[in-house]
C-alpha atoms as a PDB file:
ATOM      1  CA  MET A   1       8.875  -6.656  -4.063  1.00  0.00           C
ATOM      2  CA  SER A   2       9.598 -10.165  -5.363  1.00  0.00           C
ATOM      3  CA  ALA A   3       6.981 -12.893  -5.691  1.00  0.00           C
ATOM      4  CA  ASN A   4       8.725 -14.894  -2.947  1.00  0.00           C
ATOM      5  CA  ALA A   5       8.648 -11.942  -0.564  1.00  0.00           C
ATOM      6  CA  ILE A   6       4.963 -11.392  -1.235  1.00  0.00           C
ATOM      7  CA  ALA A   7       4.224 -15.093  -0.658  1.00  0.00           C
ATOM      8  CA  ARG A   8       6.128 -15.042   2.647  1.00  0.00           C
ATOM      9  CA  TYR A   9       4.308 -11.890   3.742  1.00  0.00           C
ATOM     10  CA  ARG A  10       0.930 -13.433   2.955  1.00  0.00           C
ATOM     11  CA  ALA A  11       1.810 -16.647   4.781  1.00  0.00           C
ATOM     12  CA  ILE A  12       2.775 -14.667   7.884  1.00  0.00           C
ATOM     13  CA  GLN A  13      -0.359 -12.521   7.553  1.00  0.00           C
ATOM     14  CA  VAL A  14      -2.607 -15.604   7.457  1.00  0.00           C
ATOM     15  CA  THR A  15      -0.900 -17.347  10.390  1.00  0.00           C
ATOM     16  CA  THR A  16      -1.138 -14.246  12.587  1.00  0.00           C
ATOM     17  CA  SER A  17      -4.707 -13.266  11.678  1.00  0.00           C
ATOM     18  CA  SER A  18      -7.937 -14.028  13.509  1.00  0.00           C
ATOM     19  CA  PRO A  19     -10.517 -16.292  11.838  1.00  0.00           C
ATOM     20  CA  GLN A  20     -12.600 -13.186  11.099  1.00  0.00           C
ATOM     21  CA  GLN A  21      -9.652 -11.462   9.431  1.00  0.00           C
ATOM     22  CA  ILE A  22      -8.970 -14.582   7.353  1.00  0.00           C
ATOM     23  CA  LEU A  23     -12.608 -14.656   6.292  1.00  0.00           C
ATOM     24  CA  LEU A  24     -12.381 -11.034   5.184  1.00  0.00           C
ATOM     25  CA  MET A  25      -9.162 -11.819   3.271  1.00  0.00           C
ATOM     26  CA  LEU A  26     -11.020 -14.604   1.470  1.00  0.00           C
ATOM     27  CA  TYR A  27     -13.841 -12.236   0.564  1.00  0.00           C
ATOM     28  CA  ASP A  28     -11.329  -9.607  -0.586  1.00  0.00           C
ATOM     29  CA  GLY A  29      -9.672 -12.202  -2.825  1.00  0.00           C
ATOM     30  CA  LEU A  30     -13.031 -13.386  -4.105  1.00  0.00           C
ATOM     31  CA  PHE A  31     -13.982  -9.873  -5.177  1.00  0.00           C
ATOM     32  CA  ARG A  32     -10.574  -9.221  -6.702  1.00  0.00           C
ATOM     33  CA  PHE A  33     -10.801 -12.391  -8.812  1.00  0.00           C
ATOM     34  CA  MET A  34     -14.412 -11.748  -9.820  1.00  0.00           C
ATOM     35  CA  GLY A  35     -13.507  -8.213 -10.913  1.00  0.00           C
ATOM     36  CA  GLU A  36     -10.537  -9.484 -12.902  1.00  0.00           C
ATOM     37  CA  ALA A  37     -12.743 -12.184 -14.478  1.00  0.00           C
ATOM     38  CA  ARG A  38     -15.352  -9.613 -15.478  1.00  0.00           C
ATOM     39  CA  THR A  39     -12.662  -7.436 -17.053  1.00  0.00           C
ATOM     40  CA  ALA A  40     -11.149 -10.390 -18.915  1.00  0.00           C
ATOM     41  CA  LEU A  41     -14.551 -11.522 -20.200  1.00  0.00           C
ATOM     42  CA  ALA A  42     -15.357  -8.031 -21.420  1.00  0.00           C
ATOM     43  CA  ALA A  43     -11.968  -7.886 -23.166  1.00  0.00           C
ATOM     44  CA  GLY A  44     -12.509 -11.234 -24.877  1.00  0.00           C
ATOM     45  CA  GLU A  45      -9.744 -13.015 -22.936  1.00  0.00           C
ATOM     46  CA  PRO A  46     -11.343 -16.399 -22.151  1.00  0.00           C
ATOM     47  CA  ALA A  47      -8.216 -18.080 -20.774  1.00  0.00           C
ATOM     48  CA  ARG A  48      -7.527 -15.274 -18.311  1.00  0.00           C
ATOM     49  CA  ALA A  49     -11.219 -15.100 -17.386  1.00  0.00           C
ATOM     50  CA  GLY A  50     -11.335 -18.849 -16.804  1.00  0.00           C
ATOM     51  CA  GLU A  51      -8.297 -18.714 -14.533  1.00  0.00           C
ATOM     52  CA  ARG A  52      -9.793 -15.899 -12.436  1.00  0.00           C
ATOM     53  CA  ILE A  53     -13.202 -17.579 -12.291  1.00  0.00           C
ATOM     54  CA  SER A  54     -11.508 -20.783 -11.147  1.00  0.00           C
ATOM     55  CA  LYS A  55      -9.783 -18.919  -8.312  1.00  0.00           C
ATOM     56  CA  ALA A  56     -13.023 -17.199  -7.272  1.00  0.00           C
ATOM     57  CA  HIS A  57     -14.840 -20.537  -7.403  1.00  0.00           C
ATOM     58  CA  ALA A  58     -12.161 -22.137  -5.196  1.00  0.00           C
ATOM     59  CA  ILE A  59     -12.657 -19.423  -2.572  1.00  0.00           C
ATOM     60  CA  LEU A  60     -16.425 -19.931  -2.640  1.00  0.00           C
ATOM     61  CA  ASP A  61     -15.901 -23.672  -2.332  1.00  0.00           C
ATOM     62  CA  GLU A  62     -13.708 -23.100   0.729  1.00  0.00           C
ATOM     63  CA  LEU A  63     -16.259 -20.746   2.282  1.00  0.00           C
ATOM     64  CA  TYR A  64     -18.970 -23.341   1.655  1.00  0.00           C
ATOM     65  CA  ALA A  65     -16.905 -26.220   3.056  1.00  0.00           C
ATOM     66  CA  THR A  66     -16.071 -24.418   6.293  1.00  0.00           C
ATOM     67  CA  LEU A  67     -19.627 -23.548   7.306  1.00  0.00           C
ATOM     68  CA  ASP A  68     -20.357 -24.966  10.757  1.00  0.00           C
ATOM     69  CA  SER A  69     -24.055 -25.725  11.105  1.00  0.00           C
ATOM     70  CA  THR A  70     -23.660 -26.642  14.783  1.00  0.00           C
ATOM     71  CA  LYS A  71     -23.201 -22.981  15.686  1.00  0.00           C
ATOM     72  CA  ALA A  72     -25.755 -21.226  13.462  1.00  0.00           C
ATOM     73  CA  PRO A  73     -27.794 -23.697  11.390  1.00  0.00           C
ATOM     74  CA  GLU A  74     -30.174 -21.183   9.801  1.00  0.00           C
ATOM     75  CA  LEU A  75     -27.376 -18.797   8.861  1.00  0.00           C
ATOM     76  CA  CYS A  76     -25.331 -21.657   7.420  1.00  0.00           C
ATOM     77  CA  ASP A  77     -28.293 -22.848   5.355  1.00  0.00           C
ATOM     78  CA  SER A  78     -28.734 -19.348   3.945  1.00  0.00           C
ATOM     79  CA  LEU A  79     -25.034 -18.980   3.208  1.00  0.00           C
ATOM     80  CA  ARG A  80     -24.931 -22.385   1.515  1.00  0.00           C
ATOM     81  CA  GLY A  81     -27.662 -21.254  -0.855  1.00  0.00           C
ATOM     82  CA  ILE A  82     -25.874 -17.995  -1.618  1.00  0.00           C
ATOM     83  CA  TYR A  83     -22.516 -19.702  -2.151  1.00  0.00           C
ATOM     84  CA  LEU A  84     -24.073 -22.330  -4.449  1.00  0.00           C
ATOM     85  CA  PHE A  85     -25.806 -19.591  -6.432  1.00  0.00           C
ATOM     86  CA  ALA A  86     -22.509 -17.723  -6.797  1.00  0.00           C
ATOM     87  CA  MET A  87     -20.548 -20.835  -7.816  1.00  0.00           C
ATOM     88  CA  GLU A  88     -23.167 -21.783 -10.416  1.00  0.00           C
ATOM     89  CA  HIS A  89     -23.253 -18.255 -11.839  1.00  0.00           C
ATOM     90  CA  LEU A  90     -19.483 -18.148 -12.141  1.00  0.00           C
ATOM     91  CA  VAL A  91     -19.436 -21.486 -13.960  1.00  0.00           C
ATOM     92  CA  MET A  92     -22.133 -20.245 -16.341  1.00  0.00           C
ATOM     93  CA  ALA A  93     -20.252 -16.956 -16.836  1.00  0.00           C
ATOM     94  CA  ASN A  94     -17.229 -18.973 -17.896  1.00  0.00           C
ATOM     95  CA  VAL A  95     -19.174 -21.361 -20.135  1.00  0.00           C
ATOM     96  CA  ASN A  96     -21.141 -18.547 -21.823  1.00  0.00           C
ATOM     97  CA  GLN A  97     -18.332 -15.956 -21.647  1.00  0.00           C
ATOM     98  CA  ASP A  98     -20.879 -13.594 -20.094  1.00  0.00           C
ATOM     99  CA  PRO A  99     -19.597 -10.788 -17.840  1.00  0.00           C
ATOM    100  CA  ALA A 100     -23.188  -9.990 -16.790  1.00  0.00           C
ATOM    101  CA  LEU A 101     -23.277 -13.244 -14.806  1.00  0.00           C
ATOM    102  CA  VAL A 102     -20.154 -12.176 -12.940  1.00  0.00           C
ATOM    103  CA  ASP A 103     -21.799  -8.808 -12.270  1.00  0.00           C
ATOM    104  CA  GLU A 104     -24.844 -10.606 -10.851  1.00  0.00           C
ATOM    105  CA  THR A 105     -22.606 -12.694  -8.598  1.00  0.00           C
ATOM    106  CA  ILE A 106     -20.821  -9.572  -7.378  1.00  0.00           C
ATOM    107  CA  ARG A 107     -24.188  -7.919  -6.670  1.00  0.00           C
ATOM    108  CA  VAL A 108     -25.368 -10.893  -4.594  1.00  0.00           C
ATOM    109  CA  MET A 109     -22.097 -11.290  -2.684  1.00  0.00           C
ATOM    110  CA  THR A 110     -21.529  -7.588  -1.940  1.00  0.00           C
ATOM    111  CA  PRO A 111     -23.799  -7.399   1.152  1.00  0.00           C
ATOM    112  CA  LEU A 112     -21.907 -10.301   2.751  1.00  0.00           C
ATOM    113  CA  HIS A 113     -18.558  -8.664   2.024  1.00  0.00           C
ATOM    114  CA  GLU A 114     -19.766  -5.357   3.431  1.00  0.00           C
ATOM    115  CA  ALA A 115     -21.159  -7.071   6.530  1.00  0.00           C
ATOM    116  CA  TRP A 116     -17.809  -8.711   7.304  1.00  0.00           C
ATOM    117  CA  GLN A 117     -16.005  -5.419   6.763  1.00  0.00           C
ATOM    118  CA  ALA A 118     -18.369  -3.758   9.232  1.00  0.00           C
ATOM    119  CA  VAL A 119     -17.953  -6.527  11.810  1.00  0.00           C
ATOM    120  CA  LEU A 120     -14.171  -6.231  11.736  1.00  0.00           C
ATOM    121  CA  LYS A 121     -14.255  -2.453  12.087  1.00  0.00           C
ATOM    122  CA  LYS A 122     -16.026  -2.790  15.450  1.00  0.00           C
END
């Protein structure tokens, strides 16, 4: 499948998905990029790791920016703290070239990812 075909498919997938499905797609992408960053760091590929960390950070930034405190203020406050923690750890992983910091971020974010997967299965 060509890159253009994949891009068109993804654009259609996003425009026809529910907000919950889009959120899960963001989390799926976040975990894919964090895993690729961890692998690149472990392999001593700083440029590739930096690119993947940047993409993961952008997803976290989007998740952070779209929190709506008018609907669930306490939940949003908790998520803000988690997202900030994750963004800071990814930056430090990149600066220090430390895959353990990516692992820690994955560990912290996994329960949220699993929760969204469970919600969408219902």
